[in-house]
Amino acid sequence: MLIFRIFSVVTLVLLSGCSYFSLKSEALEESVGSNKSAEVKEKIPSKELNKSIEPDVLYILLTAELAGQRGQYDIALEGYLLAAKKTKDPRFSERAVMIAMYIKDNSRTNEALSLWLTQDPKNQSARKIATLMALRSGDKALALTHLNALLDFDQATFEGVLLEITTVLEKEEKQALVSDALDAMLIQHPNLAEIYFIQSLLAIQNKDRDLAEAKIKQALKYRPDWDKALLCQAQIAIYAGDLSEASALLKKALVKYPNNLKMSKMLAQVFIKDEHYKEALDLYHKMISNNPSDVESQFAEGLIYLQLNQEDEAEGIFKKLEGQAEWKYQADFYLGKIKEKQGSYKKALEFYDKVSDGAFVFDASLSAISLLQRDKQVNEANARLSALQSKFPKQIVRLTLIQAELFSQQKNYEKSFEILSKALAENLNQKEYLYARALIAEHLGKLDVVEGDLNKILAIEPDNVETLNALGYSLLNNPSRYVDAEKFLKKALSLSPNEAVIIDSYGWLQFKLGNFSGALNYLQQAYDKQKEPEIAAHLAEVMWVSGKRDEAEKLVSRLIRENPADEYLKDVEKRIFKGAK
């Protein structure tokens, strides 16, 4: 009776597909196999298995299981290897392989693999693991033997097998091993499209467009109508930013596969990226007409309507999607955006607050805080920010900057400075904090802090254009530092010669140096590129001192009507124009 009871336990272990002890996921991931790997060609009924296993083997198996429970994997491995040799049952050798891989014993892994393949030579998982082991050890010939066996076993799944092996080795940054093996396979199988396909994917990973295109063309040469290869060819064009080429390829592919949803959706995304919204909308209409349950396309349709400023159509779609559990929170977020755009801030806030789960929680929370800030509900906005910092610790930098900006907009620069200083005490070289505090310090007249913080950033990133410009511009407040300011601004201009704000800063430097004609030239360039009020204020002031007073007054008067609260324009009007009258 004792033997029968032991046997019952072991049978349960073997046939349930799981074990009393579990190996960590690393070993299973390395196996690149599925749970089907425990299957044998012909399953033995449990009653027959009862009769076929000797009592001493049952004892070995039970001992191995108990050892595994206690973390004694060496003993468990020995038990399964012994049981596999005695019974020639591939399930025991498979288990031995998994244990040996988990404890990273390559020698025993290979021993167990040899047993497994002897007992079940057509087992795909065993071959995949054997291929990996051979590649890792640099035995290309053995790897090719296993790859050829996988190809002979089932050519239809060979591409997937190659992809699995490639994915595992990519994680280990050993793509070169795969490339060598694929090159060697092509010598034996020069017409095998699947190999060229995987080589194209590897080239995409390496950002080698020419090689990727050449390889995918080879794949299509041997399988001209292969949908995966046609998609890949279009993706290569998309990654390279060649949207017209991607569009042409996808349109051509859709002639062959008019009902291919992946191709249609990829083409719609190309249209959107290329700002051909009407074409994208027509394509989504067609997809939804063919498949009314395609909610993903309906959501995309709603986003396009938003982009086209057709809020009523977008709102109708998102209201329908509110009833779909999977899309509810995304729909609520965009319904909030619609209401915010329409000026219905209270309703917008209600929608944002409905987003309590999913990928849009953080953005919805920030949108709600922005609305509260706009409505002067500062305490509530600040309380929500503090709660978000606890809920999203990985977003602490962004949230701290938002909190500092919240007080800055209220002109409470001391509080903003305090928040950023506290954050910097915990993270001394966080450049976003340093830059933000420098801007606040300028409002407080703490010019030593401005220069110190910006120089700390430049010590880390000497070519940080934004910081070079900010430091150079700040030094223009001190006539004794014009030489230093010029050094920083010249470098910024050389790094970003077409950036309007940098051209503006350099033009303002020329004004400070008394070079009015040069200043006028730079500032006009900057304003032509970016019609910002601050740039306009600089331009108007230089126009005024250059004798172009009517032009200066007209420019400022027009812009003040458009931006009545802008401080730069009001300052020029009060200090220059009214002061002269």
Protein backbone atom coordinates (compact mmCIF):
# COMPACT_ATOMS: atom_id res chain seq x y z
CA MET A 1 0.00 0.00 0.00
CA LEU A 2 2.88 2.35 0.73
CA ILE A 3 4.24 1.95 -2.81
CA PHE A 4 0.79 2.65 -4.28
CA ARG A 5 0.45 5.88 -2.27
CA ILE A 6 3.89 7.08 -3.38
CA PHE A 7 3.04 6.26 -6.98
CA SER A 8 -0.18 8.26 -6.81
CA VAL A 9 1.72 11.36 -5.71
CA VAL A 10 4.32 11.03 -8.47
CA THR A 11 1.69 10.39 -11.15
CA LEU A 12 -0.12 13.55 -10.10
CA VAL A 13 3.10 15.50 -10.43
CA LEU A 14 3.91 14.12 -13.87
CA LEU A 15 0.51 14.39 -15.47
CA SER A 16 -0.62 17.74 -14.08
CA GLY A 17 1.97 19.64 -16.13
CA CYS A 18 3.42 21.39 -13.09
CA SER A 19 5.69 20.59 -10.20
CA TYR A 20 5.68 20.83 -6.42
CA PHE A 21 8.59 23.18 -6.79
CA SER A 22 8.82 25.94 -9.37
CA LEU A 23 11.83 27.13 -11.32
CA LYS A 24 12.20 30.84 -11.83
CA SER A 25 11.07 32.40 -15.09
CA GLU A 26 14.62 32.94 -16.38
CA ALA A 27 15.07 29.24 -17.05
CA LEU A 28 11.71 28.95 -18.76
CA GLU A 29 12.38 32.05 -20.85
CA GLU A 30 15.73 30.65 -21.88
CA SER A 31 14.05 27.47 -23.01
CA VAL A 32 12.26 29.48 -25.75
CA GLY A 33 9.73 26.68 -25.63
CA SER A 34 6.07 26.49 -24.81
CA ASN A 35 4.25 24.34 -22.30
CA LYS A 36 3.83 21.80 -25.09
CA SER A 37 7.41 20.73 -24.51
CA ALA A 38 6.23 18.26 -21.88
CA GLU A 39 4.24 16.33 -24.46
CA VAL A 40 5.52 13.07 -25.94
CA LYS A 41 4.68 11.66 -29.33
CA GLU A 42 2.37 9.05 -27.86
CA LYS A 43 0.94 9.75 -24.45
CA ILE A 44 0.93 6.78 -22.13
CA PRO A 45 -2.36 6.32 -20.27
CA SER A 46 -1.95 6.70 -16.50
CA LYS A 47 -2.97 3.07 -15.82
CA GLU A 48 -0.30 1.83 -18.23
CA LEU A 49 2.22 4.23 -16.67
CA ASN A 50 1.42 2.76 -13.25
CA LYS A 51 2.52 -0.65 -14.51
CA SER A 52 5.57 0.57 -16.47
CA ILE A 53 7.51 2.48 -13.77
CA GLU A 54 9.51 0.43 -11.34
CA PRO A 55 9.26 1.14 -7.61
CA ASP A 56 12.91 2.24 -7.44
CA VAL A 57 12.24 4.86 -10.15
CA LEU A 58 9.21 6.13 -8.28
CA TYR A 59 11.37 6.54 -5.22
CA ILE A 60 13.97 8.48 -7.25
CA LEU A 61 11.27 10.80 -8.62
CA LEU A 62 9.77 11.46 -5.23
CA THR A 63 13.22 12.18 -3.80
CA ALA A 64 13.91 14.60 -6.67
CA GLU A 65 10.63 16.43 -6.07
CA LEU A 66 11.26 16.76 -2.36
CA ALA A 67 14.80 18.02 -3.04
CA GLY A 68 13.37 20.61 -5.39
CA GLN A 69 10.93 21.79 -2.74
CA ARG A 70 13.88 22.36 -0.40
CA GLY A 71 15.93 24.20 -3.01
CA GLN A 72 18.38 21.31 -3.37
CA TYR A 73 18.42 21.58 -7.15
CA ASP A 74 21.62 19.56 -7.64
CA ILE A 75 19.96 16.54 -6.01
CA ALA A 76 16.74 17.13 -7.98
CA LEU A 77 18.72 17.29 -11.21
CA GLU A 78 20.53 14.03 -10.48
CA GLY A 79 17.21 12.37 -9.71
CA TYR A 80 15.55 13.41 -12.94
CA LEU A 81 18.61 12.50 -15.00
CA LEU A 82 18.70 9.06 -13.41
CA ALA A 83 14.96 8.56 -13.93
CA ALA A 84 15.27 9.67 -17.58
CA LYS A 85 18.06 7.18 -18.23
CA LYS A 86 16.20 4.34 -16.55
CA THR A 87 12.80 4.95 -18.15
CA LYS A 88 13.76 6.67 -21.42
CA ASP A 89 10.78 8.97 -20.75
CA PRO A 90 11.44 12.40 -22.39
CA ARG A 91 9.40 14.22 -19.75
CA PHE A 92 12.04 13.41 -17.13
CA SER A 93 14.92 14.52 -19.35
CA GLU A 94 13.05 17.74 -20.15
CA ARG A 95 12.67 18.44 -16.46
CA ALA A 96 16.36 17.80 -15.98
CA VAL A 97 17.16 20.31 -18.74
CA MET A 98 15.06 23.00 -17.07
CA ILE A 99 16.72 22.47 -13.70
CA ALA A 100 20.22 22.42 -15.19
CA MET A 101 19.52 25.66 -17.09
CA TYR A 102 18.17 27.31 -13.97
CA ILE A 103 21.30 26.54 -11.96
CA LYS A 104 23.39 27.51 -15.03
CA ASP A 105 25.19 24.19 -15.27
CA ASN A 106 25.99 24.07 -18.99
CA SER A 107 27.64 20.67 -18.83
CA ARG A 108 24.63 19.00 -17.22
CA THR A 109 22.28 20.96 -19.49
CA ASN A 110 23.99 19.48 -22.52
CA GLU A 111 23.90 16.00 -20.97
CA ALA A 112 20.18 16.30 -20.29
CA LEU A 113 19.55 17.78 -23.73
CA SER A 114 21.32 14.87 -25.37
CA LEU A 115 19.03 12.49 -23.50
CA TRP A 116 15.93 14.49 -24.39
CA LEU A 117 16.77 14.59 -28.09
CA THR A 118 17.62 10.89 -28.13
CA GLN A 119 14.27 10.09 -26.55
CA ASP A 120 12.24 12.64 -28.57
CA PRO A 121 14.29 13.75 -31.61
CA LYS A 122 11.44 15.77 -33.15
CA ASN A 123 10.71 17.83 -30.07
CA GLN A 124 10.86 21.45 -31.24
CA SER A 125 11.55 22.94 -27.80
CA ALA A 126 14.50 20.61 -27.23
CA ARG A 127 15.95 21.58 -30.60
CA LYS A 128 15.52 25.29 -29.90
CA ILE A 129 17.31 25.01 -26.56
CA ALA A 130 20.04 22.92 -28.18
CA THR A 131 20.45 25.59 -30.88
CA LEU A 132 20.80 28.30 -28.24
CA MET A 133 23.33 26.31 -26.25
CA ALA A 134 25.39 25.61 -29.38
CA LEU A 135 25.34 29.27 -30.45
CA ARG A 136 26.33 30.48 -27.00
CA SER A 137 29.27 28.07 -26.93
CA GLY A 138 30.36 29.17 -30.41
CA ASP A 139 29.74 25.75 -31.99
CA LYS A 140 28.29 26.98 -35.28
CA ALA A 141 28.36 23.55 -36.91
CA LEU A 142 26.27 22.02 -34.12
CA ALA A 143 23.89 24.99 -34.19
CA LEU A 144 23.39 24.45 -37.92
CA THR A 145 22.65 20.77 -37.35
CA HIS A 146 19.86 21.69 -34.93
CA LEU A 147 18.55 24.51 -37.16
CA ASN A 148 18.37 22.16 -40.12
CA ALA A 149 16.50 19.64 -37.99
CA LEU A 150 14.00 22.36 -37.03
CA LEU A 151 13.63 23.32 -40.68
CA ASP A 152 13.06 19.71 -41.74
CA PHE A 153 10.59 19.21 -38.91
CA ASP A 154 8.28 22.07 -39.98
CA GLN A 155 9.23 24.78 -42.47
CA ALA A 156 5.97 26.63 -41.79
CA THR A 157 7.04 27.41 -38.21
CA PHE A 158 10.75 27.93 -38.97
CA GLU A 159 10.49 31.71 -39.22
CA GLY A 160 8.89 31.82 -35.76
CA VAL A 161 11.62 29.56 -34.38
CA LEU A 162 14.34 31.86 -35.75
CA LEU A 163 12.53 34.86 -34.30
CA GLU A 164 12.35 33.26 -30.84
CA ILE A 165 16.05 32.39 -30.83
CA THR A 166 16.98 35.83 -32.13
CA THR A 167 14.89 37.54 -29.43
CA VAL A 168 16.60 35.62 -26.63
CA LEU A 169 20.10 36.36 -27.96
CA GLU A 170 19.23 40.02 -28.57
CA LYS A 171 18.43 40.38 -24.88
CA GLU A 172 21.90 39.04 -24.19
CA GLU A 173 23.36 41.43 -26.81
CA LYS A 174 24.63 38.47 -28.84
CA GLN A 175 23.00 39.26 -32.18
CA ALA A 176 26.29 38.56 -33.95
CA LEU A 177 25.91 34.86 -33.09
CA VAL A 178 22.56 34.79 -34.90
CA SER A 179 23.93 36.68 -37.90
CA ASP A 180 26.81 34.21 -38.30
CA ALA A 181 24.46 31.24 -38.10
CA LEU A 182 22.04 32.76 -40.62
CA ASP A 183 24.87 33.49 -43.06
CA ALA A 184 26.00 29.88 -42.76
CA MET A 185 22.45 28.61 -43.30
CA LEU A 186 22.12 30.65 -46.49
CA ILE A 187 25.03 28.73 -47.98
CA GLN A 188 22.99 25.56 -47.53
CA HIS A 189 19.58 27.12 -48.28
CA PRO A 190 20.13 30.14 -50.59
CA ASN A 191 16.44 30.27 -51.58
CA LEU A 192 14.97 30.29 -48.06
CA ALA A 193 12.98 33.51 -47.69
CA GLU A 194 12.60 33.12 -43.91
CA ILE A 195 16.33 33.61 -43.36
CA TYR A 196 16.44 36.84 -45.38
CA PHE A 197 13.38 38.04 -43.44
CA ILE A 198 15.07 37.59 -40.06
CA GLN A 199 18.26 39.18 -41.39
CA SER A 200 16.18 42.20 -42.44
CA LEU A 201 14.72 42.48 -38.93
CA LEU A 202 18.24 42.37 -37.46
CA ALA A 203 19.34 45.11 -39.84
CA ILE A 204 16.37 47.25 -38.75
CA GLN A 205 17.47 46.79 -35.12
CA ASN A 206 20.93 47.96 -36.14
CA LYS A 207 19.45 50.95 -38.01
CA ASP A 208 21.01 49.78 -41.27
CA ARG A 209 18.30 50.71 -43.77
CA ASP A 210 20.23 49.69 -46.89
CA LEU A 211 20.91 46.19 -45.59
CA ALA A 212 17.33 45.84 -44.29
CA GLU A 213 15.92 46.78 -47.69
CA ALA A 214 18.30 44.46 -49.55
CA LYS A 215 17.42 41.50 -47.33
CA ILE A 216 13.67 42.02 -47.46
CA LYS A 217 13.85 42.29 -51.26
CA GLN A 218 15.63 38.92 -51.28
CA ALA A 219 12.88 37.45 -49.08
CA LEU A 220 10.25 38.74 -51.49
CA LYS A 221 12.18 37.39 -54.45
CA TYR A 222 11.62 33.86 -53.16
CA ARG A 223 8.18 34.52 -51.60
CA PRO A 224 6.76 37.40 -53.70
CA ASP A 225 3.36 37.58 -52.00
CA TRP A 226 4.47 37.01 -48.40
CA ASP A 227 2.33 39.38 -46.35
CA LYS A 228 4.77 39.61 -43.42
CA ALA A 229 7.61 40.58 -45.74
CA LEU A 230 5.45 43.18 -47.51
CA LEU A 231 4.58 44.71 -44.13
CA CYS A 232 8.23 44.67 -43.11
CA GLN A 233 9.21 46.41 -46.34
CA ALA A 234 6.74 49.21 -45.59
CA GLN A 235 7.97 49.46 -42.00
CA ILE A 236 11.54 49.97 -43.19
CA ALA A 237 10.37 52.97 -45.22
CA ILE A 238 8.43 54.32 -42.22
CA TYR A 239 11.45 54.03 -39.90
CA ALA A 240 13.51 55.91 -42.49
CA GLY A 241 10.88 58.67 -42.62
CA ASP A 242 10.05 57.93 -46.26
CA LEU A 243 6.29 58.14 -45.88
CA SER A 244 5.51 58.42 -49.58
CA GLU A 245 7.41 55.18 -50.24
CA ALA A 246 5.67 53.46 -47.31
CA SER A 247 2.29 54.63 -48.60
CA ALA A 248 3.00 53.35 -52.11
CA LEU A 249 4.18 49.95 -50.84
CA LEU A 250 1.14 49.50 -48.60
CA LYS A 251 -1.32 50.51 -51.30
CA LYS A 252 0.28 47.98 -53.64
CA ALA A 253 0.20 45.29 -50.93
CA LEU A 254 -3.47 45.97 -50.21
CA VAL A 255 -4.29 45.19 -53.84
CA LYS A 256 -3.07 41.65 -53.10
CA TYR A 257 -4.52 41.53 -49.58
CA PRO A 258 -7.58 43.86 -49.57
CA ASN A 259 -8.84 42.47 -46.26
CA ASN A 260 -5.51 42.57 -44.42
CA LEU A 261 -6.30 44.62 -41.32
CA LYS A 262 -2.65 45.11 -40.32
CA MET A 263 -1.81 46.61 -43.69
CA SER A 264 -4.86 48.87 -43.63
CA LYS A 265 -4.08 50.14 -40.12
CA MET A 266 -0.44 50.70 -40.97
CA LEU A 267 -1.44 52.71 -44.04
CA ALA A 268 -3.86 54.76 -41.93
CA GLN A 269 -1.03 55.52 -39.48
CA VAL A 270 1.19 56.57 -42.39
CA PHE A 271 -1.56 58.94 -43.57
CA ILE A 272 -1.83 60.42 -40.06
CA LYS A 273 1.94 60.82 -39.73
CA ASP A 274 1.98 62.55 -43.11
CA GLU A 275 -0.96 64.76 -41.99
CA HIS A 276 -3.28 63.31 -44.64
CA TYR A 277 -6.12 63.12 -42.17
CA LYS A 278 -8.94 62.89 -44.71
CA GLU A 279 -7.36 59.83 -46.34
CA ALA A 280 -6.84 58.23 -42.94
CA LEU A 281 -10.44 58.92 -41.98
CA ASP A 282 -11.73 57.36 -45.20
CA LEU A 283 -9.65 54.25 -44.57
CA TYR A 284 -10.91 53.90 -40.99
CA HIS A 285 -14.50 54.35 -42.23
CA LYS A 286 -13.94 51.43 -44.60
CA MET A 287 -12.43 49.23 -41.88
CA ILE A 288 -15.30 49.97 -39.49
CA SER A 289 -17.86 49.34 -42.24
CA ASN A 290 -16.31 45.91 -42.84
CA ASN A 291 -16.04 45.18 -39.13
CA PRO A 292 -18.37 47.24 -36.90
CA SER A 293 -16.83 45.68 -33.77
CA ASP A 294 -13.39 47.15 -34.57
CA VAL A 295 -13.32 49.48 -31.58
CA GLU A 296 -9.63 50.32 -32.03
CA SER A 297 -10.38 51.88 -35.41
CA GLN A 298 -13.33 53.78 -33.95
CA PHE A 299 -11.04 55.25 -31.29
CA ALA A 300 -8.51 56.29 -33.96
CA GLU A 301 -11.37 57.83 -35.93
CA GLY A 302 -12.31 59.93 -32.91
CA LEU A 303 -8.73 61.19 -32.56
CA ILE A 304 -8.64 62.22 -36.21
CA TYR A 305 -11.87 64.19 -35.80
CA LEU A 306 -10.25 65.98 -32.87
CA GLN A 307 -7.23 66.79 -35.03
CA LEU A 308 -9.58 68.21 -37.67
CA ASN A 309 -11.34 70.32 -34.97
CA GLN A 310 -14.59 68.43 -35.54
CA GLU A 311 -15.40 68.10 -31.85
CA ASP A 312 -19.04 67.08 -32.30
CA GLU A 313 -18.12 64.02 -34.38
CA ALA A 314 -15.31 63.11 -31.98
CA GLU A 315 -17.56 63.52 -28.96
CA GLY A 316 -20.16 61.20 -30.47
CA ILE A 317 -17.57 58.46 -30.94
CA PHE A 318 -16.02 58.81 -27.49
CA LYS A 319 -19.44 58.78 -25.81
CA LYS A 320 -20.14 55.42 -27.45
CA LEU A 321 -16.74 54.13 -26.35
CA GLU A 322 -17.52 55.08 -22.74
CA GLY A 323 -19.69 51.98 -22.67
CA GLN A 324 -16.76 49.73 -23.61
CA ALA A 325 -14.89 48.63 -20.48
CA GLU A 326 -11.56 48.45 -22.32
CA TRP A 327 -11.88 51.95 -23.77
CA LYS A 328 -13.83 53.80 -21.07
CA TYR A 329 -10.91 55.66 -19.50
CA GLN A 330 -9.35 56.72 -22.80
CA ALA A 331 -12.77 57.97 -23.92
CA ASP A 332 -13.28 59.93 -20.69
CA PHE A 333 -9.87 61.56 -21.08
CA TYR A 334 -10.62 62.85 -24.57
CA LEU A 335 -14.15 63.87 -23.64
CA GLY A 336 -12.47 65.98 -20.97
CA LYS A 337 -10.19 67.51 -23.61
CA ILE A 338 -13.19 68.35 -25.77
CA LYS A 339 -15.02 70.04 -22.90
CA GLU A 340 -11.87 71.93 -21.92
CA LYS A 341 -11.46 73.20 -25.47
CA GLN A 342 -15.11 74.30 -25.47
CA GLY A 343 -14.55 76.24 -22.22
CA SER A 344 -16.73 73.91 -20.11
CA TYR A 345 -14.08 73.55 -17.40
CA LYS A 346 -16.34 72.10 -14.73
CA LYS A 347 -17.54 69.34 -17.07
CA ALA A 348 -13.98 68.75 -18.27
CA LEU A 349 -12.84 68.28 -14.67
CA GLU A 350 -15.60 65.73 -14.11
CA PHE A 351 -14.40 63.70 -17.09
CA TYR A 352 -10.75 63.88 -16.02
CA ASP A 353 -11.69 62.68 -12.54
CA LYS A 354 -13.47 59.66 -14.03
CA VAL A 355 -10.12 58.38 -15.35
CA SER A 356 -9.20 56.22 -12.38
CA ASP A 357 -7.28 53.43 -14.12
CA GLY A 358 -5.24 52.67 -17.22
CA ALA A 359 -2.53 54.46 -19.17
CA PHE A 360 -4.26 57.86 -19.09
CA VAL A 361 -4.50 58.28 -15.30
CA PHE A 362 -1.37 60.41 -15.02
CA ASP A 363 -2.18 62.70 -17.97
CA ALA A 364 -5.78 63.09 -16.83
CA SER A 365 -4.59 64.04 -13.34
CA LEU A 366 -2.24 66.68 -14.76
CA SER A 367 -5.00 68.06 -16.98
CA ALA A 368 -7.27 68.35 -13.94
CA ILE A 369 -4.54 70.17 -11.99
CA SER A 370 -4.05 72.57 -14.91
CA LEU A 371 -7.78 73.37 -14.89
CA LEU A 372 -7.78 73.96 -11.14
CA GLN A 373 -4.78 76.24 -11.48
CA ARG A 374 -6.51 78.20 -14.23
CA ASP A 375 -9.56 78.54 -11.98
CA LYS A 376 -7.34 79.90 -9.17
CA GLN A 377 -8.04 76.82 -7.00
CA VAL A 378 -4.38 76.75 -6.00
CA ASN A 379 -4.71 74.81 -2.76
CA GLU A 380 -6.67 72.00 -4.42
CA ALA A 381 -4.22 71.91 -7.33
CA ASN A 382 -1.26 71.72 -4.94
CA ALA A 383 -2.92 69.00 -2.84
CA ARG A 384 -3.48 66.91 -5.96
CA LEU A 385 0.12 67.40 -7.02
CA SER A 386 1.34 66.15 -3.66
CA ALA A 387 -0.90 63.09 -3.92
CA LEU A 388 0.41 62.38 -7.42
CA GLN A 389 4.00 62.45 -6.16
CA SER A 390 3.18 59.57 -3.84
CA LYS A 391 1.21 57.68 -6.48
CA PHE A 392 3.75 58.12 -9.30
CA PRO A 393 7.21 58.18 -7.70
CA LYS A 394 8.89 57.66 -11.09
CA GLN A 395 7.41 60.99 -12.24
CA ILE A 396 8.76 62.91 -9.25
CA VAL A 397 11.00 65.23 -11.34
CA ARG A 398 8.20 66.26 -13.67
CA LEU A 399 5.72 66.73 -10.83
CA THR A 400 8.17 68.80 -8.78
CA LEU A 401 8.76 71.08 -11.77
CA ILE A 402 5.00 71.47 -12.24
CA GLN A 403 4.58 72.31 -8.57
CA ALA A 404 7.33 74.93 -8.77
CA GLU A 405 5.75 76.37 -11.91
CA LEU A 406 2.39 76.53 -10.14
CA PHE A 407 3.78 78.94 -7.55
CA SER A 408 5.84 80.80 -10.15
CA GLN A 409 2.71 81.62 -12.14
CA GLN A 410 1.25 83.14 -8.98
CA LYS A 411 4.47 85.19 -8.71
CA ASN A 412 5.25 83.38 -5.46
CA TYR A 413 8.86 82.98 -6.51
CA GLU A 414 10.11 82.39 -2.97
CA LYS A 415 7.95 79.27 -2.59
CA SER A 416 8.94 78.04 -6.04
CA PHE A 417 12.62 78.57 -5.20
CA GLU A 418 12.16 76.73 -1.89
CA ILE A 419 10.58 73.68 -3.61
CA LEU A 420 13.38 73.44 -6.18
CA SER A 421 16.11 73.96 -3.58
CA LYS A 422 14.69 71.15 -1.47
CA ALA A 423 14.56 68.89 -4.54
CA LEU A 424 18.17 69.74 -5.38
CA ALA A 425 19.27 68.91 -1.84
CA GLU A 426 18.12 65.35 -2.56
CA ASN A 427 19.42 65.26 -6.15
CA LEU A 428 22.33 67.66 -6.55
CA ASN A 429 22.96 67.32 -10.29
CA GLN A 430 19.41 67.01 -11.61
CA LYS A 431 19.71 69.36 -14.59
CA GLU A 432 15.95 69.99 -14.91
CA TYR A 433 15.88 71.24 -11.30
CA LEU A 434 19.01 73.35 -11.82
CA TYR A 435 17.62 75.00 -14.94
CA ALA A 436 14.20 75.70 -13.38
CA ARG A 437 15.75 77.14 -10.22
CA ALA A 438 18.03 79.38 -12.30
CA LEU A 439 14.97 80.90 -14.00
CA ILE A 440 13.24 81.46 -10.65
CA ALA A 441 16.43 82.85 -9.09
CA GLU A 442 16.56 85.51 -11.82
CA HIS A 443 13.13 86.77 -10.71
CA LEU A 444 14.46 87.03 -7.15
CA GLY A 445 17.64 88.83 -8.20
CA LYS A 446 19.82 85.91 -7.03
CA LEU A 447 22.20 86.24 -9.97
CA ASP A 448 24.94 84.21 -8.26
CA VAL A 449 22.50 81.27 -8.05
CA VAL A 450 21.51 81.75 -11.70
CA GLU A 451 25.10 81.58 -12.87
CA GLY A 452 26.04 78.79 -10.46
CA ASP A 453 23.14 76.51 -11.43
CA LEU A 454 23.58 77.03 -15.16
CA ASN A 455 27.33 76.42 -14.94
CA LYS A 456 26.66 73.14 -13.12
CA ILE A 457 24.58 71.99 -16.08
CA LEU A 458 27.33 73.01 -18.50
CA ALA A 459 29.87 71.07 -16.45
CA ILE A 460 27.76 67.96 -17.17
CA GLU A 461 26.72 68.92 -20.73
CA PRO A 462 29.08 71.53 -22.23
CA ASP A 463 27.05 71.73 -25.46
CA ASN A 464 23.64 72.16 -23.84
CA VAL A 465 22.31 74.87 -26.18
CA GLU A 466 19.37 75.89 -24.00
CA THR A 467 21.65 76.42 -21.01
CA LEU A 468 24.31 78.27 -23.02
CA ASN A 469 21.62 80.64 -24.26
CA ALA A 470 20.07 81.14 -20.81
CA LEU A 471 23.43 81.86 -19.16
CA GLY A 472 24.56 84.21 -21.90
CA TYR A 473 21.26 86.09 -21.86
CA SER A 474 21.26 86.40 -18.05
CA LEU A 475 24.75 87.94 -18.08
CA LEU A 476 23.50 90.77 -20.30
CA ASN A 477 22.05 92.34 -17.14
CA ASN A 478 25.62 93.18 -16.08
CA PRO A 479 27.66 95.39 -18.47
CA SER A 480 30.90 94.06 -16.99
CA ARG A 481 29.98 90.54 -18.16
CA TYR A 482 29.26 91.24 -21.83
CA VAL A 483 32.45 89.46 -22.92
CA ASP A 484 31.40 86.32 -21.04
CA ALA A 485 27.86 86.60 -22.40
CA GLU A 486 29.20 86.81 -25.95
CA LYS A 487 31.28 83.66 -25.43
CA PHE A 488 28.24 81.64 -24.37
CA LEU A 489 25.87 83.08 -26.97
CA LYS A 490 28.33 82.61 -29.85
CA LYS A 491 28.70 78.96 -28.93
CA ALA A 492 24.92 78.52 -28.68
CA LEU A 493 24.47 80.19 -32.08
CA SER A 494 27.12 77.99 -33.69
CA LEU A 495 25.37 74.86 -32.36
CA SER A 496 21.83 75.99 -33.30
CA PRO A 497 22.12 78.73 -35.96
CA ASN A 498 18.42 78.59 -36.89
CA GLU A 499 16.90 78.73 -33.41
CA ALA A 500 14.84 81.91 -33.02
CA VAL A 501 15.37 82.41 -29.29
CA ILE A 502 19.15 82.14 -29.68
CA ILE A 503 19.18 84.57 -32.62
CA ASP A 504 17.10 86.90 -30.44
CA SER A 505 19.59 86.65 -27.55
CA TYR A 506 22.52 87.33 -29.86
CA GLY A 507 20.67 90.28 -31.39
CA TRP A 508 19.99 91.66 -27.90
CA LEU A 509 23.72 91.33 -27.13
CA GLN A 510 24.51 93.43 -30.22
CA PHE A 511 22.07 96.06 -28.97
CA LYS A 512 23.78 96.11 -25.56
CA LEU A 513 27.15 96.51 -27.33
CA GLY A 514 25.79 99.48 -29.29
CA ASN A 515 25.72 97.71 -32.66
CA PHE A 516 22.17 98.80 -33.55
CA SER A 517 22.22 97.83 -37.23
CA GLY A 518 23.52 94.35 -36.39
CA ALA A 519 20.98 94.02 -33.59
CA LEU A 520 18.14 95.02 -35.91
CA ASN A 521 19.21 92.42 -38.46
CA TYR A 522 19.37 89.54 -35.93
CA LEU A 523 16.15 90.51 -34.15
CA GLN A 524 14.20 90.81 -37.40
CA GLN A 525 15.44 87.31 -38.35
CA ALA A 526 14.35 85.96 -34.97
CA TYR A 527 10.90 87.57 -35.20
CA ASP A 528 10.37 86.29 -38.74
CA LYS A 529 11.06 82.78 -37.48
CA GLN A 530 9.02 82.99 -34.28
CA LYS A 531 6.57 85.79 -33.60
CA GLU A 532 6.90 85.73 -29.82
CA PRO A 533 6.03 88.84 -27.74
CA GLU A 534 9.46 88.96 -26.03
CA ILE A 535 11.25 88.92 -29.39
CA ALA A 536 8.83 91.58 -30.67
CA ALA A 537 9.56 93.74 -27.60
CA HIS A 538 13.31 93.54 -28.28
CA LEU A 539 12.80 94.31 -31.96
CA ALA A 540 10.56 97.30 -31.21
CA GLU A 541 13.05 98.79 -28.76
CA VAL A 542 15.90 98.53 -31.28
CA MET A 543 13.63 99.99 -34.00
CA TRP A 544 12.91 102.93 -31.70
CA VAL A 545 16.56 103.77 -31.02
CA SER A 546 17.36 103.23 -34.72
CA GLY A 547 14.90 105.96 -35.71
CA LYS A 548 12.08 103.65 -36.86
CA ARG A 549 9.70 104.93 -34.19
CA ASP A 550 6.44 104.67 -36.14
CA GLU A 551 7.15 101.05 -37.08
CA ALA A 552 8.02 100.26 -33.47
CA GLU A 553 4.83 101.81 -32.07
CA LYS A 554 2.62 100.11 -34.65
CA LEU A 555 4.20 96.72 -33.93
CA VAL A 556 3.80 97.01 -30.16
CA SER A 557 0.28 98.49 -30.30
CA ARG A 558 -0.93 95.67 -32.54
CA LEU A 559 0.63 92.98 -30.40
CA ILE A 560 -0.69 94.43 -27.14
CA ARG A 561 -4.22 94.21 -28.56
CA GLU A 562 -3.53 90.52 -29.24
CA ASN A 563 -1.64 89.89 -25.96
CA PRO A 564 -2.99 92.46 -23.46
CA ALA A 565 -1.37 90.80 -20.43
CA ASP A 566 2.12 90.35 -21.86
CA GLU A 567 4.69 91.91 -19.52
CA TYR A 568 7.44 92.44 -22.11
CA LEU A 569 5.20 94.44 -24.44
CA LYS A 570 3.68 96.48 -21.59
CA ASP A 571 7.16 97.28 -20.32
CA VAL A 572 8.31 98.57 -23.74
CA GLU A 573 5.15 100.65 -24.11
CA LYS A 574 5.50 102.21 -20.67
CA ARG A 575 9.30 102.58 -20.55
CA ILE A 576 10.02 103.63 -24.13
CA PHE A 577 6.95 105.02 -25.87
CA LYS A 578 5.11 106.72 -22.98
CA GLY A 579 8.37 107.80 -21.43
CA ALA A 580 9.27 109.67 -24.61
CA LYS A 581 5.98 111.58 -24.75
